[in-house]
Amino acid sequence: MTLRPAAFALALAIALGANALGGCARPETQQAAITPVEITAGTACELDGMLLADYPGPKAQIHYADSDRPAFFCDTVELFSTLLAGEQVRAVRAVYVQDMGQADWNEPKGHWIDARTASYVLGSKREGSMGPTIASFANRTDADAFAKEYGGRVLGFADIKPDMVDLRGGALHDSQM
């Protein structure tokens, strides 16, 4: 069965919500909370192998149900491209992005937040590891201030659509990798 991108996003949201609620009904199936994993000097991007610590801008991680290690992404555009891909069928347990209202843009470390509750700025002048990126923020006030200073528009997680995260201008055409 193939889901359209909007249907996939809804199915993902439902699955994440069901996962969060599923443990409440049966205490014996509850698992420890999934916590973000910090980036090290050797942490590589799931899609292109780039070392995350070597590049500016927000990073991301997906915790899949079938893996005990997260998949890291050197850019939030890559994260959303993966989540919104029609062929994405792996069960997602948690998704984290960095709060760029707290993290240093040029050397982001820590400040992980739940991607589903973050505010995002699309179309700003600031670039990440793959060029234009989607800046992530824990609160709307920081996102609004960033958009005022660097341009772009503020969106919620569910507002980001597949046509907004086209990788053709980034990883797919980088001849230096």
N, C-alpha and C. Protein backbone atom coordinates (compact mmCIF):
# COMPACT_ATOMS: atom_id res chain seq x y z
N MET A 1 0.85 -1.18 0.00
CA MET A 1 0.00 0.00 0.00
C MET A 1 0.89 1.24 0.00
N THR A 2 0.64 2.17 -0.90
CA THR A 2 1.41 3.40 -0.99
C THR A 2 0.58 4.54 -0.43
N LEU A 3 1.17 5.31 0.49
CA LEU A 3 0.48 6.45 1.08
C LEU A 3 0.93 7.72 0.37
N ARG A 4 -0.01 8.61 0.13
CA ARG A 4 0.35 9.92 -0.38
C ARG A 4 1.07 10.66 0.74
N PRO A 5 1.90 11.67 0.41
CA PRO A 5 2.67 12.36 1.44
C PRO A 5 1.83 12.89 2.60
N ALA A 6 0.68 13.51 2.31
CA ALA A 6 -0.16 14.03 3.39
C ALA A 6 -0.71 12.89 4.24
N ALA A 7 -1.10 11.80 3.60
CA ALA A 7 -1.60 10.65 4.34
C ALA A 7 -0.49 10.03 5.16
N PHE A 8 0.73 10.01 4.61
CA PHE A 8 1.86 9.47 5.35
C PHE A 8 2.13 10.31 6.59
N ALA A 9 2.12 11.64 6.44
CA ALA A 9 2.37 12.51 7.58
C ALA A 9 1.33 12.28 8.67
N LEU A 10 0.07 12.11 8.27
CA LEU A 10 -0.98 11.82 9.24
C LEU A 10 -0.76 10.46 9.89
N ALA A 11 -0.41 9.46 9.08
CA ALA A 11 -0.15 8.12 9.62
C ALA A 11 1.03 8.15 10.58
N LEU A 12 2.07 8.93 10.26
CA LEU A 12 3.22 9.05 11.14
C LEU A 12 2.81 9.68 12.46
N ALA A 13 2.03 10.75 12.38
CA ALA A 13 1.58 11.41 13.61
C ALA A 13 0.74 10.47 14.46
N ILE A 14 -0.13 9.71 13.83
CA ILE A 14 -0.96 8.76 14.56
C ILE A 14 -0.10 7.66 15.19
N ALA A 15 0.86 7.16 14.42
CA ALA A 15 1.74 6.10 14.94
C ALA A 15 2.56 6.60 16.11
N LEU A 16 3.10 7.82 16.00
CA LEU A 16 3.88 8.37 17.11
C LEU A 16 2.99 8.58 18.33
N GLY A 17 1.77 9.06 18.12
CA GLY A 17 0.84 9.25 19.23
C GLY A 17 0.43 7.93 19.85
N ALA A 18 0.16 6.93 19.02
CA ALA A 18 -0.22 5.62 19.53
C ALA A 18 0.93 5.00 20.30
N ASN A 19 2.14 5.21 19.82
CA ASN A 19 3.31 4.68 20.51
C ASN A 19 3.42 5.32 21.89
N ALA A 20 3.17 6.61 21.97
CA ALA A 20 3.27 7.31 23.24
C ALA A 20 2.19 6.85 24.20
N LEU A 21 1.01 6.55 23.68
CA LEU A 21 -0.09 6.13 24.53
C LEU A 21 -0.13 4.64 24.78
N GLY A 22 0.49 3.87 23.89
CA GLY A 22 0.41 2.42 23.98
C GLY A 22 0.89 1.86 25.30
N GLY A 23 1.91 2.43 25.88
CA GLY A 23 2.45 1.92 27.14
C GLY A 23 1.54 2.17 28.31
N CYS A 24 0.61 3.12 28.21
CA CYS A 24 -0.28 3.44 29.31
C CYS A 24 -1.25 2.31 29.59
N ALA A 25 -1.67 1.62 28.55
CA ALA A 25 -2.67 0.58 28.72
C ALA A 25 -2.07 -0.68 29.33
N ARG A 26 -0.80 -0.96 29.08
CA ARG A 26 -0.18 -2.18 29.57
C ARG A 26 1.17 -1.83 30.19
N PRO A 27 1.22 -1.66 31.52
CA PRO A 27 2.45 -1.24 32.18
C PRO A 27 3.64 -2.14 31.88
N GLU A 28 3.40 -3.43 31.67
CA GLU A 28 4.52 -4.34 31.42
C GLU A 28 5.20 -4.08 30.09
N THR A 29 4.55 -3.32 29.19
CA THR A 29 5.16 -3.01 27.90
C THR A 29 5.80 -1.64 27.85
N GLN A 30 5.72 -0.89 28.96
CA GLN A 30 6.33 0.44 28.96
C GLN A 30 7.84 0.33 28.83
N GLN A 31 8.40 1.24 28.07
CA GLN A 31 9.84 1.29 27.89
C GLN A 31 10.35 2.60 28.47
N ALA A 32 11.62 2.62 28.76
CA ALA A 32 12.22 3.86 29.23
C ALA A 32 12.04 4.91 28.14
N ALA A 33 11.91 6.16 28.56
CA ALA A 33 11.76 7.24 27.60
C ALA A 33 12.95 7.25 26.64
N ILE A 34 12.67 7.53 25.40
CA ILE A 34 13.72 7.61 24.39
C ILE A 34 14.35 8.98 24.50
N THR A 35 15.64 9.00 24.71
CA THR A 35 16.34 10.26 24.86
C THR A 35 17.26 10.49 23.67
N PRO A 36 17.47 11.75 23.32
CA PRO A 36 18.37 12.05 22.20
C PRO A 36 19.79 11.64 22.53
N VAL A 37 20.54 11.31 21.51
CA VAL A 37 21.94 10.93 21.65
C VAL A 37 22.79 12.09 21.16
N GLU A 38 23.82 12.42 21.90
CA GLU A 38 24.66 13.56 21.53
C GLU A 38 25.59 13.20 20.36
N ILE A 39 25.87 14.18 19.57
CA ILE A 39 26.79 14.06 18.43
C ILE A 39 28.22 14.01 18.95
N THR A 40 29.03 13.14 18.35
CA THR A 40 30.46 13.08 18.65
C THR A 40 31.23 13.49 17.40
N ALA A 41 32.54 13.56 17.49
CA ALA A 41 33.36 13.93 16.33
C ALA A 41 33.19 12.94 15.19
N GLY A 42 32.82 11.69 15.49
CA GLY A 42 32.68 10.67 14.46
C GLY A 42 31.26 10.39 14.01
N THR A 43 30.28 11.15 14.50
CA THR A 43 28.89 10.92 14.12
C THR A 43 28.67 11.32 12.67
N ALA A 44 28.21 10.36 11.86
CA ALA A 44 28.02 10.58 10.43
C ALA A 44 26.55 10.62 10.05
N CYS A 45 26.27 11.35 9.00
CA CYS A 45 24.92 11.48 8.46
C CYS A 45 24.47 10.16 7.84
N GLU A 46 23.25 9.79 8.09
CA GLU A 46 22.64 8.57 7.56
C GLU A 46 22.63 8.55 6.04
N LEU A 47 22.42 9.71 5.41
CA LEU A 47 22.25 9.75 3.96
C LEU A 47 23.53 9.91 3.16
N ASP A 48 24.47 10.70 3.67
CA ASP A 48 25.63 11.01 2.84
C ASP A 48 26.97 10.80 3.52
N GLY A 49 26.97 10.37 4.77
CA GLY A 49 28.21 10.09 5.47
C GLY A 49 28.98 11.29 5.97
N MET A 50 28.45 12.50 5.78
CA MET A 50 29.13 13.70 6.25
C MET A 50 29.21 13.66 7.77
N LEU A 51 30.32 14.15 8.33
CA LEU A 51 30.46 14.22 9.78
C LEU A 51 29.70 15.43 10.29
N LEU A 52 28.73 15.20 11.15
CA LEU A 52 27.85 16.27 11.61
C LEU A 52 28.59 17.41 12.29
N ALA A 53 29.59 17.09 13.09
CA ALA A 53 30.30 18.11 13.86
C ALA A 53 31.08 19.08 12.99
N ASP A 54 31.28 18.74 11.72
CA ASP A 54 32.07 19.59 10.82
C ASP A 54 31.27 20.68 10.13
N TYR A 55 29.95 20.73 10.35
CA TYR A 55 29.11 21.64 9.57
C TYR A 55 28.17 22.46 10.45
N PRO A 56 27.80 23.66 9.97
CA PRO A 56 26.89 24.52 10.73
C PRO A 56 25.42 24.10 10.56
N GLY A 57 24.59 24.75 11.34
CA GLY A 57 23.14 24.58 11.20
C GLY A 57 22.58 23.42 11.99
N PRO A 58 21.25 23.36 12.07
CA PRO A 58 20.57 22.35 12.89
C PRO A 58 20.75 20.93 12.37
N LYS A 59 20.89 20.03 13.30
CA LYS A 59 21.02 18.60 13.01
C LYS A 59 19.75 17.90 13.49
N ALA A 60 19.64 16.61 13.14
CA ALA A 60 18.44 15.87 13.53
C ALA A 60 18.78 14.40 13.76
N GLN A 61 17.87 13.70 14.43
CA GLN A 61 18.02 12.27 14.64
C GLN A 61 16.66 11.61 14.71
N ILE A 62 16.58 10.43 14.11
CA ILE A 62 15.36 9.61 14.17
C ILE A 62 15.69 8.34 14.93
N HIS A 63 14.84 8.00 15.87
CA HIS A 63 14.96 6.73 16.60
C HIS A 63 13.89 5.80 16.03
N TYR A 64 14.36 4.79 15.29
CA TYR A 64 13.46 3.81 14.69
C TYR A 64 13.19 2.67 15.67
N ALA A 65 12.03 2.06 15.56
CA ALA A 65 11.65 0.96 16.43
C ALA A 65 12.54 -0.26 16.23
N ASP A 66 13.08 -0.44 15.04
CA ASP A 66 13.89 -1.63 14.74
C ASP A 66 15.39 -1.43 14.96
N SER A 67 15.79 -0.35 15.64
CA SER A 67 17.21 -0.09 15.85
C SER A 67 17.44 0.49 17.24
N ASP A 68 18.55 0.13 17.84
CA ASP A 68 18.86 0.68 19.15
C ASP A 68 19.75 1.93 19.05
N ARG A 69 20.14 2.31 17.83
CA ARG A 69 20.93 3.52 17.59
C ARG A 69 20.14 4.44 16.67
N PRO A 70 20.19 5.75 16.93
CA PRO A 70 19.45 6.66 16.06
C PRO A 70 20.13 6.84 14.71
N ALA A 71 19.34 7.24 13.73
CA ALA A 71 19.86 7.66 12.43
C ALA A 71 20.04 9.17 12.53
N PHE A 72 21.25 9.64 12.24
CA PHE A 72 21.54 11.07 12.33
C PHE A 72 21.48 11.71 10.95
N PHE A 73 21.15 13.01 10.94
CA PHE A 73 21.07 13.78 9.70
C PHE A 73 21.81 15.09 9.91
N CYS A 74 22.65 15.45 8.91
CA CYS A 74 23.46 16.66 9.04
C CYS A 74 22.65 17.91 8.73
N ASP A 75 21.38 17.74 8.38
CA ASP A 75 20.55 18.88 8.02
C ASP A 75 19.08 18.52 8.22
N THR A 76 18.28 19.48 8.63
CA THR A 76 16.85 19.23 8.84
C THR A 76 16.10 18.99 7.53
N VAL A 77 16.62 19.51 6.42
CA VAL A 77 15.98 19.23 5.13
C VAL A 77 16.07 17.73 4.84
N GLU A 78 17.23 17.13 5.13
CA GLU A 78 17.38 15.68 4.95
C GLU A 78 16.43 14.91 5.86
N LEU A 79 16.29 15.38 7.08
CA LEU A 79 15.36 14.73 8.02
C LEU A 79 13.95 14.72 7.44
N PHE A 80 13.44 15.87 7.04
CA PHE A 80 12.07 15.94 6.53
C PHE A 80 11.93 15.19 5.21
N SER A 81 12.95 15.23 4.38
CA SER A 81 12.90 14.46 3.13
C SER A 81 12.73 12.97 3.44
N THR A 82 13.43 12.50 4.45
CA THR A 82 13.32 11.09 4.85
C THR A 82 11.95 10.79 5.44
N LEU A 83 11.48 11.62 6.35
CA LEU A 83 10.19 11.37 7.00
C LEU A 83 9.02 11.45 6.02
N LEU A 84 9.12 12.33 5.04
CA LEU A 84 8.00 12.55 4.12
C LEU A 84 8.10 11.72 2.84
N ALA A 85 9.14 10.92 2.72
CA ALA A 85 9.30 10.08 1.53
C ALA A 85 8.19 9.03 1.49
N GLY A 86 7.61 8.84 0.34
CA GLY A 86 6.54 7.86 0.19
C GLY A 86 6.96 6.45 0.53
N GLU A 87 8.25 6.16 0.36
CA GLU A 87 8.74 4.81 0.63
C GLU A 87 9.15 4.60 2.08
N GLN A 88 9.04 5.62 2.92
CA GLN A 88 9.41 5.50 4.34
C GLN A 88 8.41 4.57 5.02
N VAL A 89 8.89 3.40 5.45
CA VAL A 89 7.99 2.43 6.07
C VAL A 89 8.46 1.98 7.45
N ARG A 90 9.63 2.41 7.89
CA ARG A 90 10.13 2.03 9.21
C ARG A 90 9.34 2.75 10.29
N ALA A 91 9.02 2.03 11.35
CA ALA A 91 8.30 2.63 12.47
C ALA A 91 9.22 3.59 13.22
N VAL A 92 8.73 4.79 13.44
CA VAL A 92 9.48 5.85 14.10
C VAL A 92 9.04 5.94 15.56
N ARG A 93 10.01 5.87 16.47
CA ARG A 93 9.70 5.98 17.90
C ARG A 93 9.87 7.40 18.41
N ALA A 94 10.85 8.14 17.88
CA ALA A 94 11.10 9.51 18.32
C ALA A 94 11.90 10.24 17.25
N VAL A 95 11.71 11.56 17.18
CA VAL A 95 12.45 12.41 16.25
C VAL A 95 12.88 13.66 17.03
N TYR A 96 14.17 13.97 16.93
CA TYR A 96 14.71 15.14 17.62
C TYR A 96 15.43 16.06 16.64
N VAL A 97 15.32 17.36 16.91
CA VAL A 97 16.05 18.40 16.19
C VAL A 97 16.70 19.29 17.25
N GLN A 98 17.60 20.14 16.82
CA GLN A 98 18.25 21.03 17.76
C GLN A 98 17.51 22.36 17.86
N ASP A 99 17.46 22.89 19.08
CA ASP A 99 16.86 24.19 19.32
C ASP A 99 17.90 25.25 18.99
N MET A 100 17.73 25.88 17.83
CA MET A 100 18.71 26.86 17.37
C MET A 100 18.55 28.20 18.09
N GLY A 101 17.57 28.31 18.96
CA GLY A 101 17.47 29.47 19.84
C GLY A 101 18.47 29.35 20.99
N GLN A 102 18.99 28.15 21.22
CA GLN A 102 19.97 27.90 22.27
C GLN A 102 21.32 27.45 21.74
N ALA A 103 21.33 26.66 20.68
CA ALA A 103 22.58 26.11 20.13
C ALA A 103 23.31 27.16 19.30
N ASP A 104 24.63 27.03 19.24
CA ASP A 104 25.47 27.89 18.40
C ASP A 104 25.30 27.44 16.94
N TRP A 105 24.86 28.32 16.07
CA TRP A 105 24.61 27.97 14.67
C TRP A 105 25.84 27.36 14.00
N ASN A 106 27.00 27.93 14.25
CA ASN A 106 28.21 27.49 13.57
C ASN A 106 28.78 26.17 14.12
N GLU A 107 28.51 25.86 15.37
CA GLU A 107 28.96 24.62 15.99
C GLU A 107 27.87 24.09 16.91
N PRO A 108 26.75 23.66 16.34
CA PRO A 108 25.63 23.24 17.19
C PRO A 108 25.94 21.95 17.96
N LYS A 109 25.71 22.03 19.25
CA LYS A 109 25.86 20.86 20.13
C LYS A 109 24.68 20.87 21.09
N GLY A 110 24.16 19.69 21.39
CA GLY A 110 23.10 19.57 22.39
C GLY A 110 21.82 20.29 22.03
N HIS A 111 21.08 20.65 23.05
CA HIS A 111 19.82 21.38 22.92
C HIS A 111 18.82 20.65 22.03
N TRP A 112 18.67 19.33 22.25
CA TRP A 112 17.75 18.51 21.47
C TRP A 112 16.33 18.71 21.95
N ILE A 113 15.40 18.80 21.01
CA ILE A 113 13.98 18.97 21.32
C ILE A 113 13.17 18.01 20.45
N ASP A 114 11.96 17.73 20.88
CA ASP A 114 11.05 16.88 20.12
C ASP A 114 10.68 17.60 18.82
N ALA A 115 10.99 16.98 17.70
CA ALA A 115 10.75 17.61 16.39
C ALA A 115 9.27 17.92 16.16
N ARG A 116 8.39 17.12 16.74
CA ARG A 116 6.95 17.31 16.50
C ARG A 116 6.41 18.57 17.16
N THR A 117 7.09 19.06 18.20
CA THR A 117 6.60 20.24 18.91
C THR A 117 7.37 21.51 18.55
N ALA A 118 8.39 21.38 17.72
CA ALA A 118 9.23 22.52 17.36
C ALA A 118 8.54 23.46 16.38
N SER A 119 9.04 24.68 16.34
CA SER A 119 8.67 25.65 15.30
C SER A 119 9.84 25.70 14.34
N TYR A 120 9.54 25.90 13.06
CA TYR A 120 10.56 25.86 12.02
C TYR A 120 10.52 27.13 11.18
N VAL A 121 11.69 27.55 10.69
CA VAL A 121 11.76 28.68 9.77
C VAL A 121 12.29 28.16 8.44
N LEU A 122 11.47 28.28 7.43
CA LEU A 122 11.80 27.85 6.08
C LEU A 122 12.11 29.07 5.23
N GLY A 123 13.19 29.02 4.45
CA GLY A 123 13.49 30.10 3.50
C GLY A 123 14.31 31.24 4.07
N SER A 124 15.07 30.99 5.14
CA SER A 124 15.90 32.06 5.69
C SER A 124 17.21 32.19 4.90
N LYS A 125 17.98 33.23 5.22
CA LYS A 125 19.29 33.45 4.59
C LYS A 125 20.37 32.57 5.21
N ARG A 126 20.11 31.99 6.38
CA ARG A 126 21.11 31.14 7.06
C ARG A 126 21.18 29.80 6.36
N GLU A 127 22.40 29.26 6.24
CA GLU A 127 22.58 27.98 5.58
C GLU A 127 23.10 26.94 6.56
N GLY A 128 22.76 25.69 6.26
CA GLY A 128 23.24 24.56 7.04
C GLY A 128 24.27 23.80 6.24
N SER A 129 24.46 22.56 6.56
CA SER A 129 25.50 21.75 5.92
C SER A 129 25.25 21.53 4.43
N MET A 130 24.00 21.54 4.01
CA MET A 130 23.67 21.28 2.61
C MET A 130 23.19 22.52 1.87
N GLY A 131 23.44 23.70 2.45
CA GLY A 131 22.96 24.94 1.84
C GLY A 131 21.71 25.41 2.56
N PRO A 132 20.69 25.85 1.82
CA PRO A 132 19.46 26.31 2.48
C PRO A 132 18.91 25.22 3.39
N THR A 133 18.50 25.63 4.59
CA THR A 133 18.03 24.65 5.57
C THR A 133 16.74 25.13 6.22
N ILE A 134 16.21 24.33 7.09
CA ILE A 134 15.01 24.67 7.86
C ILE A 134 15.46 24.78 9.30
N ALA A 135 15.45 25.99 9.84
CA ALA A 135 15.89 26.23 11.22
C ALA A 135 14.82 25.74 12.20
N SER A 136 15.27 25.10 13.27
CA SER A 136 14.35 24.52 14.26
C SER A 136 14.47 25.25 15.60
N PHE A 137 13.33 25.43 16.27
CA PHE A 137 13.29 26.19 17.52
C PHE A 137 12.32 25.55 18.50
N ALA A 138 12.66 25.61 19.78
CA ALA A 138 11.79 25.07 20.82
C ALA A 138 10.54 25.92 21.00
N ASN A 139 10.66 27.23 20.75
CA ASN A 139 9.47 28.06 20.93
C ASN A 139 9.27 29.02 19.77
N ARG A 140 8.05 29.36 19.58
CA ARG A 140 7.63 30.20 18.46
C ARG A 140 8.26 31.60 18.52
N THR A 141 8.45 32.13 19.72
CA THR A 141 9.04 33.46 19.87
C THR A 141 10.44 33.52 19.27
N ASP A 142 11.26 32.50 19.54
CA ASP A 142 12.61 32.46 18.97
C ASP A 142 12.54 32.30 17.45
N ALA A 143 11.61 31.49 16.97
CA ALA A 143 11.46 31.29 15.52
C ALA A 143 11.05 32.60 14.85
N ASP A 144 10.12 33.33 15.46
CA ASP A 144 9.69 34.62 14.90
C ASP A 144 10.84 35.62 14.85
N ALA A 145 11.65 35.67 15.92
CA ALA A 145 12.78 36.59 15.97
C ALA A 145 13.82 36.23 14.90
N PHE A 146 14.07 34.93 14.71
CA PHE A 146 15.01 34.47 13.70
C PHE A 146 14.50 34.85 12.30
N ALA A 147 13.20 34.62 12.05
CA ALA A 147 12.62 34.96 10.75
C ALA A 147 12.68 36.47 10.49
N LYS A 148 12.50 37.25 11.51
CA LYS A 148 12.57 38.71 11.36
C LYS A 148 13.99 39.13 10.98
N GLU A 149 14.99 38.49 11.58
CA GLU A 149 16.39 38.86 11.31
C GLU A 149 16.92 38.27 10.00
N TYR A 150 16.57 37.01 9.70
CA TYR A 150 17.17 36.32 8.56
C TYR A 150 16.19 35.99 7.43
N GLY A 151 14.93 36.39 7.59
CA GLY A 151 13.93 36.09 6.57
C GLY A 151 13.35 34.71 6.76
N GLY A 152 12.39 34.38 5.91
CA GLY A 152 11.73 33.08 5.97
C GLY A 152 10.38 33.15 6.63
N ARG A 153 9.72 32.00 6.65
CA ARG A 153 8.40 31.93 7.28
C ARG A 153 8.38 30.83 8.32
N VAL A 154 7.60 31.06 9.37
CA VAL A 154 7.53 30.14 10.49
C VAL A 154 6.43 29.11 10.24
N LEU A 155 6.79 27.84 10.44
CA LEU A 155 5.87 26.72 10.22
C LEU A 155 5.94 25.75 11.39
N GLY A 156 4.88 24.96 11.53
CA GLY A 156 4.89 23.85 12.48
C GLY A 156 5.31 22.57 11.77
N PHE A 157 5.57 21.53 12.52
CA PHE A 157 6.01 20.24 11.99
C PHE A 157 5.08 19.74 10.88
N ALA A 158 3.79 19.75 11.13
CA ALA A 158 2.82 19.22 10.16
C ALA A 158 2.65 20.11 8.93
N ASP A 159 3.15 21.35 9.01
CA ASP A 159 3.03 22.28 7.88
C ASP A 159 4.10 22.06 6.81
N ILE A 160 5.12 21.30 7.12
CA ILE A 160 6.21 21.07 6.16
C ILE A 160 5.82 19.95 5.22
N LYS A 161 5.84 20.24 3.94
CA LYS A 161 5.38 19.32 2.89
C LYS A 161 6.57 18.84 2.04
N PRO A 162 6.40 17.72 1.34
CA PRO A 162 7.49 17.15 0.55
C PRO A 162 8.12 18.12 -0.45
N ASP A 163 7.34 18.98 -1.08
CA ASP A 163 7.92 19.89 -2.07
C ASP A 163 8.79 20.98 -1.43
N MET A 164 8.77 21.09 -0.11
CA MET A 164 9.60 22.06 0.60
C MET A 164 10.98 21.49 0.96
N VAL A 165 11.16 20.19 0.77
CA VAL A 165 12.38 19.53 1.22
C VAL A 165 13.04 18.75 0.08
N ASP A 166 13.14 19.38 -1.05
CA ASP A 166 13.74 18.77 -2.24
C ASP A 166 15.26 18.75 -2.08
N LEU A 167 15.85 17.57 -2.16
CA LEU A 167 17.30 17.42 -1.99
C LEU A 167 18.08 17.60 -3.28
N ARG A 168 17.41 17.83 -4.38
CA ARG A 168 18.13 17.93 -5.66
C ARG A 168 19.17 19.03 -5.70
N GLY A 169 19.00 20.07 -4.91
CA GLY A 169 19.98 21.16 -4.90
C GLY A 169 21.09 20.95 -3.92
N GLY A 170 21.01 19.90 -3.10
CA GLY A 170 22.02 19.70 -2.06
C GLY A 170 22.78 18.42 -2.27
N ALA A 171 22.49 17.43 -1.46
CA ALA A 171 23.28 16.20 -1.42
C ALA A 171 23.34 15.49 -2.76
N LEU A 172 22.30 15.51 -3.54
CA LEU A 172 22.29 14.77 -4.78
C LEU A 172 23.20 15.37 -5.85
N HIS A 173 23.57 16.63 -5.70
CA HIS A 173 24.43 17.27 -6.70
C HIS A 173 25.76 17.73 -6.13
N ASP A 174 26.13 17.26 -4.97
CA ASP A 174 27.41 17.66 -4.37
C ASP A 174 28.49 16.75 -4.91
N SER A 175 29.32 17.26 -5.80
CA SER A 175 30.36 16.45 -6.45
C SER A 175 31.60 16.29 -5.57
N GLN A 176 31.64 16.93 -4.42
CA GLN A 176 32.80 16.83 -3.55
C GLN A 176 32.68 15.73 -2.52
N MET A 177 31.58 15.02 -2.48
CA MET A 177 31.41 13.94 -1.51
C MET A 177 31.87 12.65 -2.10
